[in-house]
Amino acid sequence: MVRPRSELLFVIALTAFGTFLRLWHLSTFPDGFHNDEGNVILDAQRIAREGWIGAWSVNAAGYPIAVNYWVAPFVKVMGLGVLTVRLPMALLGIATIPAAYYAYRVAAGWRVAVCASVLLTVSLWHLHLSRVGFPAI
């Protein structure tokens, strides 16, 4: 049986490590600015200016844009830029680490939760999708 305090410290440390991995050189890596990131920031800019613009993106040929409403306050505060569109997605990716630990803990116990959340934290696909500014994460 694992002690609750040790478990909490583990989740905090793992989330801190995941935060470092997801925020380190966020505006410069991956290289370039993807077309989908441009669509997200254009829609988020419009949302910040006009409010509700619907559930589908006209710029992205009908792509659902619920996550763009999450990006809009960042655009309003930080202006336009690569970091502005990638930071909200990175924060969602960071939040999935303790959320996944909790879900695995409830479903399968602490041993599975430790293994699965460590693998999620260092998983290249999760790390990459947490660092790009389109709604994949």
N, C-alpha and C. Protein backbone atom coordinates (compact mmCIF):
# COMPACT_ATOMS: atom_id res chain seq x y z
N MET A 1 0.85 -1.19 0.00
CA MET A 1 0.00 0.00 0.00
C MET A 1 0.88 1.24 0.00
N VAL A 2 0.60 2.13 -0.87
CA VAL A 2 1.36 3.36 -0.98
C VAL A 2 0.73 4.43 -0.08
N ARG A 3 1.58 5.27 0.50
CA ARG A 3 1.07 6.34 1.36
C ARG A 3 0.57 7.51 0.51
N PRO A 4 -0.53 8.13 0.92
CA PRO A 4 -1.11 9.23 0.14
C PRO A 4 -0.13 10.39 -0.09
N ARG A 5 0.66 10.70 0.93
CA ARG A 5 1.61 11.81 0.79
C ARG A 5 2.67 11.49 -0.27
N SER A 6 3.18 10.27 -0.27
CA SER A 6 4.17 9.86 -1.27
C SER A 6 3.57 9.89 -2.67
N GLU A 7 2.35 9.45 -2.75
CA GLU A 7 1.66 9.44 -4.04
C GLU A 7 1.47 10.87 -4.56
N LEU A 8 1.06 11.77 -3.68
CA LEU A 8 0.87 13.17 -4.07
C LEU A 8 2.19 13.79 -4.51
N LEU A 9 3.25 13.54 -3.77
CA LEU A 9 4.57 14.08 -4.13
C LEU A 9 5.03 13.54 -5.48
N PHE A 10 4.75 12.27 -5.73
CA PHE A 10 5.11 11.68 -7.03
C PHE A 10 4.36 12.38 -8.16
N VAL A 11 3.06 12.58 -8.00
CA VAL A 11 2.26 13.23 -9.05
C VAL A 11 2.73 14.66 -9.26
N ILE A 12 3.05 15.37 -8.20
CA ILE A 12 3.55 16.74 -8.32
C ILE A 12 4.88 16.76 -9.07
N ALA A 13 5.80 15.87 -8.69
CA ALA A 13 7.10 15.81 -9.35
C ALA A 13 6.97 15.43 -10.83
N LEU A 14 6.12 14.46 -11.10
CA LEU A 14 5.92 14.03 -12.49
C LEU A 14 5.29 15.15 -13.32
N THR A 15 4.34 15.86 -12.74
CA THR A 15 3.71 16.98 -13.45
C THR A 15 4.72 18.10 -13.67
N ALA A 16 5.58 18.36 -12.70
CA ALA A 16 6.62 19.38 -12.86
C ALA A 16 7.59 19.00 -13.99
N PHE A 17 7.98 17.74 -14.04
CA PHE A 17 8.85 17.27 -15.12
C PHE A 17 8.14 17.39 -16.46
N GLY A 18 6.88 16.99 -16.52
CA GLY A 18 6.09 17.11 -17.74
C GLY A 18 5.92 18.56 -18.17
N THR A 19 5.78 19.45 -17.19
CA THR A 19 5.67 20.88 -17.48
C THR A 19 6.95 21.39 -18.13
N PHE A 20 8.09 21.01 -17.58
CA PHE A 20 9.37 21.41 -18.17
C PHE A 20 9.47 20.93 -19.62
N LEU A 21 9.15 19.65 -19.85
CA LEU A 21 9.24 19.09 -21.20
C LEU A 21 8.31 19.80 -22.19
N ARG A 22 7.15 20.21 -21.73
CA ARG A 22 6.17 20.81 -22.62
C ARG A 22 6.35 22.31 -22.83
N LEU A 23 7.06 22.99 -21.93
CA LEU A 23 7.24 24.43 -22.06
C LEU A 23 8.63 24.85 -22.53
N TRP A 24 9.60 23.97 -22.47
CA TRP A 24 10.97 24.30 -22.84
C TRP A 24 11.03 24.65 -24.32
N HIS A 25 11.48 25.86 -24.66
CA HIS A 25 11.59 26.36 -26.03
C HIS A 25 10.29 26.18 -26.82
N LEU A 26 9.17 26.44 -26.17
CA LEU A 26 7.86 26.20 -26.79
C LEU A 26 7.65 27.01 -28.06
N SER A 27 8.13 28.24 -28.09
CA SER A 27 7.88 29.08 -29.26
C SER A 27 8.80 28.77 -30.44
N THR A 28 9.86 28.00 -30.21
CA THR A 28 10.81 27.72 -31.30
C THR A 28 10.88 26.25 -31.70
N PHE A 29 10.30 25.37 -30.90
CA PHE A 29 10.34 23.94 -31.23
C PHE A 29 8.98 23.33 -31.00
N PRO A 30 8.32 22.73 -31.96
CA PRO A 30 8.82 22.41 -33.30
C PRO A 30 8.99 23.64 -34.18
N ASP A 31 9.86 23.50 -35.15
CA ASP A 31 10.18 24.61 -36.04
C ASP A 31 8.97 25.02 -36.87
N GLY A 32 8.93 26.29 -37.19
CA GLY A 32 7.90 26.80 -38.08
C GLY A 32 6.56 27.01 -37.42
N PHE A 33 5.66 27.51 -38.21
CA PHE A 33 4.29 27.79 -37.76
C PHE A 33 3.36 27.08 -38.72
N HIS A 34 2.65 26.09 -38.24
CA HIS A 34 1.81 25.23 -39.06
C HIS A 34 0.55 25.96 -39.51
N ASN A 35 0.04 25.58 -40.66
CA ASN A 35 -1.17 26.18 -41.21
C ASN A 35 -2.35 26.07 -40.23
N ASP A 36 -2.49 24.90 -39.59
CA ASP A 36 -3.58 24.73 -38.63
C ASP A 36 -3.43 25.66 -37.43
N GLU A 37 -2.19 25.93 -37.02
CA GLU A 37 -1.97 26.89 -35.94
C GLU A 37 -2.43 28.28 -36.37
N GLY A 38 -2.20 28.62 -37.61
CA GLY A 38 -2.66 29.90 -38.14
C GLY A 38 -4.19 30.00 -38.13
N ASN A 39 -4.86 28.92 -38.50
CA ASN A 39 -6.32 28.92 -38.46
C ASN A 39 -6.83 29.07 -37.04
N VAL A 40 -6.19 28.39 -36.09
CA VAL A 40 -6.60 28.49 -34.69
C VAL A 40 -6.47 29.91 -34.19
N ILE A 41 -5.34 30.54 -34.49
CA ILE A 41 -5.12 31.89 -33.96
C ILE A 41 -6.03 32.91 -34.65
N LEU A 42 -6.34 32.71 -35.93
CA LEU A 42 -7.28 33.61 -36.60
C LEU A 42 -8.68 33.49 -36.00
N ASP A 43 -9.11 32.25 -35.78
CA ASP A 43 -10.43 32.06 -35.15
C ASP A 43 -10.45 32.59 -33.72
N ALA A 44 -9.38 32.35 -32.97
CA ALA A 44 -9.32 32.83 -31.59
C ALA A 44 -9.31 34.36 -31.54
N GLN A 45 -8.64 34.98 -32.50
CA GLN A 45 -8.64 36.45 -32.58
C GLN A 45 -10.05 36.96 -32.84
N ARG A 46 -10.74 36.29 -33.73
CA ARG A 46 -12.12 36.69 -34.04
C ARG A 46 -13.03 36.48 -32.83
N ILE A 47 -12.84 35.37 -32.10
CA ILE A 47 -13.62 35.10 -30.89
C ILE A 47 -13.35 36.18 -29.85
N ALA A 48 -12.08 36.54 -29.66
CA ALA A 48 -11.73 37.57 -28.68
C ALA A 48 -12.36 38.91 -29.04
N ARG A 49 -12.51 39.17 -30.32
CA ARG A 49 -13.08 40.44 -30.78
C ARG A 49 -14.60 40.44 -30.78
N GLU A 50 -15.22 39.33 -31.23
CA GLU A 50 -16.66 39.31 -31.45
C GLU A 50 -17.45 38.49 -30.45
N GLY A 51 -16.81 37.59 -29.73
CA GLY A 51 -17.54 36.68 -28.86
C GLY A 51 -17.89 35.40 -29.59
N TRP A 52 -19.09 34.90 -29.39
CA TRP A 52 -19.51 33.64 -30.01
C TRP A 52 -19.53 33.76 -31.53
N ILE A 53 -18.83 32.83 -32.19
CA ILE A 53 -18.81 32.83 -33.66
C ILE A 53 -19.32 31.50 -34.22
N GLY A 54 -19.83 30.65 -33.36
CA GLY A 54 -20.35 29.37 -33.80
C GLY A 54 -19.47 28.22 -33.37
N ALA A 55 -19.87 27.03 -33.77
CA ALA A 55 -19.16 25.82 -33.35
C ALA A 55 -18.22 25.29 -34.42
N TRP A 56 -18.26 25.85 -35.61
CA TRP A 56 -17.47 25.34 -36.73
C TRP A 56 -16.64 26.47 -37.32
N SER A 57 -15.43 26.13 -37.74
CA SER A 57 -14.52 27.13 -38.30
C SER A 57 -14.74 27.29 -39.79
N VAL A 58 -14.95 28.51 -40.21
CA VAL A 58 -15.05 28.81 -41.63
C VAL A 58 -13.66 28.72 -42.26
N ASN A 59 -12.63 29.15 -41.53
CA ASN A 59 -11.25 29.11 -42.04
C ASN A 59 -10.76 27.69 -42.30
N ALA A 60 -11.20 26.74 -41.48
CA ALA A 60 -10.68 25.37 -41.56
C ALA A 60 -11.71 24.42 -42.16
N ALA A 61 -12.54 24.90 -43.05
CA ALA A 61 -13.50 24.07 -43.77
C ALA A 61 -14.41 23.27 -42.85
N GLY A 62 -14.92 23.92 -41.82
CA GLY A 62 -15.90 23.28 -40.96
C GLY A 62 -15.35 22.51 -39.79
N TYR A 63 -14.10 22.73 -39.42
CA TYR A 63 -13.50 22.05 -38.28
C TYR A 63 -14.15 22.53 -36.99
N PRO A 64 -14.45 21.64 -36.04
CA PRO A 64 -15.03 22.09 -34.76
C PRO A 64 -14.01 22.94 -33.99
N ILE A 65 -14.47 24.05 -33.43
CA ILE A 65 -13.52 25.01 -32.84
C ILE A 65 -13.72 25.25 -31.35
N ALA A 66 -14.24 24.30 -30.63
CA ALA A 66 -14.44 24.52 -29.20
C ALA A 66 -13.15 24.92 -28.50
N VAL A 67 -12.04 24.33 -28.86
CA VAL A 67 -10.77 24.64 -28.20
C VAL A 67 -10.30 26.06 -28.53
N ASN A 68 -10.76 26.61 -29.64
CA ASN A 68 -10.37 27.98 -29.98
C ASN A 68 -10.94 28.99 -28.99
N TYR A 69 -12.04 28.63 -28.37
CA TYR A 69 -12.58 29.49 -27.31
C TYR A 69 -11.67 29.48 -26.09
N TRP A 70 -10.90 28.41 -25.89
CA TRP A 70 -9.90 28.34 -24.82
C TRP A 70 -8.69 29.20 -25.18
N VAL A 71 -8.35 29.29 -26.46
CA VAL A 71 -7.20 30.06 -26.91
C VAL A 71 -7.51 31.56 -26.93
N ALA A 72 -8.75 31.95 -27.12
CA ALA A 72 -9.13 33.35 -27.27
C ALA A 72 -8.67 34.26 -26.13
N PRO A 73 -8.82 33.89 -24.85
CA PRO A 73 -8.31 34.78 -23.80
C PRO A 73 -6.80 34.98 -23.85
N PHE A 74 -6.07 33.97 -24.29
CA PHE A 74 -4.62 34.11 -24.43
C PHE A 74 -4.29 35.12 -25.53
N VAL A 75 -5.05 35.08 -26.63
CA VAL A 75 -4.86 36.04 -27.72
C VAL A 75 -5.17 37.45 -27.23
N LYS A 76 -6.21 37.58 -26.44
CA LYS A 76 -6.61 38.90 -25.93
C LYS A 76 -5.53 39.48 -25.02
N VAL A 77 -4.92 38.63 -24.18
CA VAL A 77 -3.91 39.10 -23.22
C VAL A 77 -2.52 39.20 -23.84
N MET A 78 -2.12 38.20 -24.63
CA MET A 78 -0.74 38.11 -25.12
C MET A 78 -0.54 38.63 -26.54
N GLY A 79 -1.64 38.89 -27.25
CA GLY A 79 -1.50 39.30 -28.64
C GLY A 79 -1.29 38.10 -29.54
N LEU A 80 -0.90 38.36 -30.78
CA LEU A 80 -0.70 37.29 -31.75
C LEU A 80 0.74 36.81 -31.71
N GLY A 81 0.92 35.51 -31.86
CA GLY A 81 2.27 34.96 -31.90
C GLY A 81 2.26 33.45 -31.74
N VAL A 82 3.40 32.86 -31.96
CA VAL A 82 3.54 31.41 -31.87
C VAL A 82 3.28 30.94 -30.44
N LEU A 83 3.86 31.61 -29.47
CA LEU A 83 3.67 31.22 -28.07
C LEU A 83 2.21 31.34 -27.65
N THR A 84 1.53 32.33 -28.18
CA THR A 84 0.12 32.55 -27.83
C THR A 84 -0.76 31.37 -28.21
N VAL A 85 -0.49 30.75 -29.34
CA VAL A 85 -1.32 29.64 -29.79
C VAL A 85 -0.84 28.31 -29.21
N ARG A 86 0.45 28.19 -28.88
CA ARG A 86 0.97 26.92 -28.37
C ARG A 86 0.82 26.78 -26.86
N LEU A 87 0.88 27.86 -26.12
CA LEU A 87 0.81 27.79 -24.67
C LEU A 87 -0.50 27.18 -24.16
N PRO A 88 -1.67 27.57 -24.67
CA PRO A 88 -2.90 26.94 -24.17
C PRO A 88 -2.94 25.43 -24.40
N MET A 89 -2.42 24.97 -25.54
CA MET A 89 -2.39 23.54 -25.81
C MET A 89 -1.41 22.83 -24.89
N ALA A 90 -0.28 23.49 -24.61
CA ALA A 90 0.70 22.90 -23.69
C ALA A 90 0.10 22.78 -22.29
N LEU A 91 -0.67 23.78 -21.88
CA LEU A 91 -1.31 23.71 -20.56
C LEU A 91 -2.31 22.56 -20.49
N LEU A 92 -3.04 22.32 -21.58
CA LEU A 92 -3.95 21.17 -21.61
C LEU A 92 -3.16 19.86 -21.54
N GLY A 93 -2.05 19.81 -22.25
CA GLY A 93 -1.20 18.61 -22.20
C GLY A 93 -0.64 18.37 -20.81
N ILE A 94 -0.27 19.44 -20.12
CA ILE A 94 0.24 19.33 -18.75
C ILE A 94 -0.87 18.84 -17.82
N ALA A 95 -2.06 19.35 -18.00
CA ALA A 95 -3.19 18.96 -17.14
C ALA A 95 -3.55 17.49 -17.30
N THR A 96 -3.25 16.92 -18.46
CA THR A 96 -3.58 15.50 -18.66
C THR A 96 -2.72 14.57 -17.83
N ILE A 97 -1.57 15.02 -17.37
CA ILE A 97 -0.68 14.14 -16.60
C ILE A 97 -1.31 13.76 -15.26
N PRO A 98 -1.66 14.72 -14.39
CA PRO A 98 -2.31 14.29 -13.14
C PRO A 98 -3.70 13.71 -13.37
N ALA A 99 -4.40 14.18 -14.40
CA ALA A 99 -5.73 13.62 -14.69
C ALA A 99 -5.62 12.15 -15.10
N ALA A 100 -4.62 11.84 -15.91
CA ALA A 100 -4.41 10.45 -16.32
C ALA A 100 -4.01 9.61 -15.12
N TYR A 101 -3.15 10.14 -14.26
CA TYR A 101 -2.76 9.38 -13.07
C TYR A 101 -3.99 9.03 -12.25
N TYR A 102 -4.84 10.00 -12.03
CA TYR A 102 -6.05 9.77 -11.24
C TYR A 102 -6.95 8.72 -11.90
N ALA A 103 -7.13 8.84 -13.22
CA ALA A 103 -7.99 7.89 -13.93
C ALA A 103 -7.42 6.47 -13.86
N TYR A 104 -6.11 6.35 -14.08
CA TYR A 104 -5.48 5.03 -13.99
C TYR A 104 -5.54 4.49 -12.56
N ARG A 105 -5.37 5.37 -11.59
CA ARG A 105 -5.39 4.96 -10.17
C ARG A 105 -6.75 4.39 -9.79
N VAL A 106 -7.81 5.07 -10.21
CA VAL A 106 -9.16 4.62 -9.90
C VAL A 106 -9.47 3.31 -10.64
N ALA A 107 -9.04 3.23 -11.89
CA ALA A 107 -9.39 2.07 -12.71
C ALA A 107 -8.57 0.83 -12.40
N ALA A 108 -7.27 1.02 -12.10
CA ALA A 108 -6.41 -0.17 -12.04
C ALA A 108 -5.42 -0.20 -10.88
N GLY A 109 -5.43 0.80 -10.01
CA GLY A 109 -4.51 0.78 -8.87
C GLY A 109 -3.29 1.64 -9.07
N TRP A 110 -2.53 1.80 -8.01
CA TRP A 110 -1.41 2.75 -8.04
C TRP A 110 -0.24 2.28 -8.89
N ARG A 111 0.02 0.98 -8.96
CA ARG A 111 1.14 0.50 -9.77
C ARG A 111 0.92 0.82 -11.26
N VAL A 112 -0.27 0.53 -11.74
CA VAL A 112 -0.60 0.84 -13.13
C VAL A 112 -0.59 2.35 -13.34
N ALA A 113 -1.09 3.09 -12.38
CA ALA A 113 -1.12 4.55 -12.50
C ALA A 113 0.28 5.13 -12.62
N VAL A 114 1.21 4.62 -11.83
CA VAL A 114 2.60 5.10 -11.89
C VAL A 114 3.20 4.80 -13.26
N CYS A 115 3.09 3.56 -13.70
CA CYS A 115 3.67 3.17 -15.00
C CYS A 115 3.04 3.95 -16.15
N ALA A 116 1.73 3.98 -16.18
CA ALA A 116 1.03 4.61 -17.30
C ALA A 116 1.26 6.12 -17.34
N SER A 117 1.25 6.78 -16.20
CA SER A 117 1.44 8.23 -16.20
C SER A 117 2.89 8.61 -16.54
N VAL A 118 3.86 7.80 -16.13
CA VAL A 118 5.25 8.05 -16.53
C VAL A 118 5.38 7.90 -18.04
N LEU A 119 4.80 6.82 -18.58
CA LEU A 119 4.86 6.62 -20.03
C LEU A 119 4.17 7.75 -20.78
N LEU A 120 3.04 8.22 -20.28
CA LEU A 120 2.35 9.35 -20.92
C LEU A 120 3.21 10.60 -20.88
N THR A 121 3.85 10.86 -19.75
CA THR A 121 4.65 12.07 -19.59
C THR A 121 5.81 12.14 -20.57
N VAL A 122 6.45 11.01 -20.83
CA VAL A 122 7.61 11.01 -21.73
C VAL A 122 7.28 10.51 -23.13
N SER A 123 6.03 10.21 -23.39
CA SER A 123 5.62 9.72 -24.70
C SER A 123 5.85 10.80 -25.77
N LEU A 124 6.51 10.42 -26.82
CA LEU A 124 6.83 11.41 -27.87
C LEU A 124 5.59 11.94 -28.56
N TRP A 125 4.60 11.11 -28.79
CA TRP A 125 3.39 11.60 -29.46
C TRP A 125 2.65 12.59 -28.57
N HIS A 126 2.54 12.30 -27.27
CA HIS A 126 1.85 13.22 -26.37
C HIS A 126 2.64 14.51 -26.20
N LEU A 127 3.94 14.37 -26.10
CA LEU A 127 4.80 15.54 -25.97
C LEU A 127 4.69 16.43 -27.21
N HIS A 128 4.74 15.83 -28.39
CA HIS A 128 4.64 16.62 -29.61
C HIS A 128 3.28 17.30 -29.74
N LEU A 129 2.21 16.54 -29.50
CA LEU A 129 0.89 17.12 -29.65
C LEU A 129 0.59 18.16 -28.58
N SER A 130 1.31 18.12 -27.45
CA SER A 130 1.17 19.15 -26.43
C SER A 130 1.92 20.43 -26.81
N ARG A 131 2.79 20.36 -27.79
CA ARG A 131 3.63 21.49 -28.15
C ARG A 131 3.22 22.16 -29.46
N VAL A 132 2.16 21.71 -30.08
CA VAL A 132 1.70 22.36 -31.31
C VAL A 132 0.37 23.04 -31.03
N GLY A 133 0.09 24.08 -31.76
CA GLY A 133 -1.05 24.91 -31.45
C GLY A 133 -2.31 24.61 -32.24
N PHE A 134 -2.61 23.36 -32.45
CA PHE A 134 -3.90 23.04 -33.03
C PHE A 134 -4.57 21.98 -32.17
N PRO A 135 -5.87 21.85 -32.27
CA PRO A 135 -6.64 21.11 -31.28
C PRO A 135 -6.50 19.58 -31.32
N ALA A 136 -5.29 19.07 -31.43
CA ALA A 136 -5.11 17.62 -31.42
C ALA A 136 -5.06 17.09 -29.99
N ILE A 137 -4.50 17.86 -29.08
CA ILE A 137 -4.34 17.35 -27.71
C ILE A 137 -5.67 17.29 -27.01
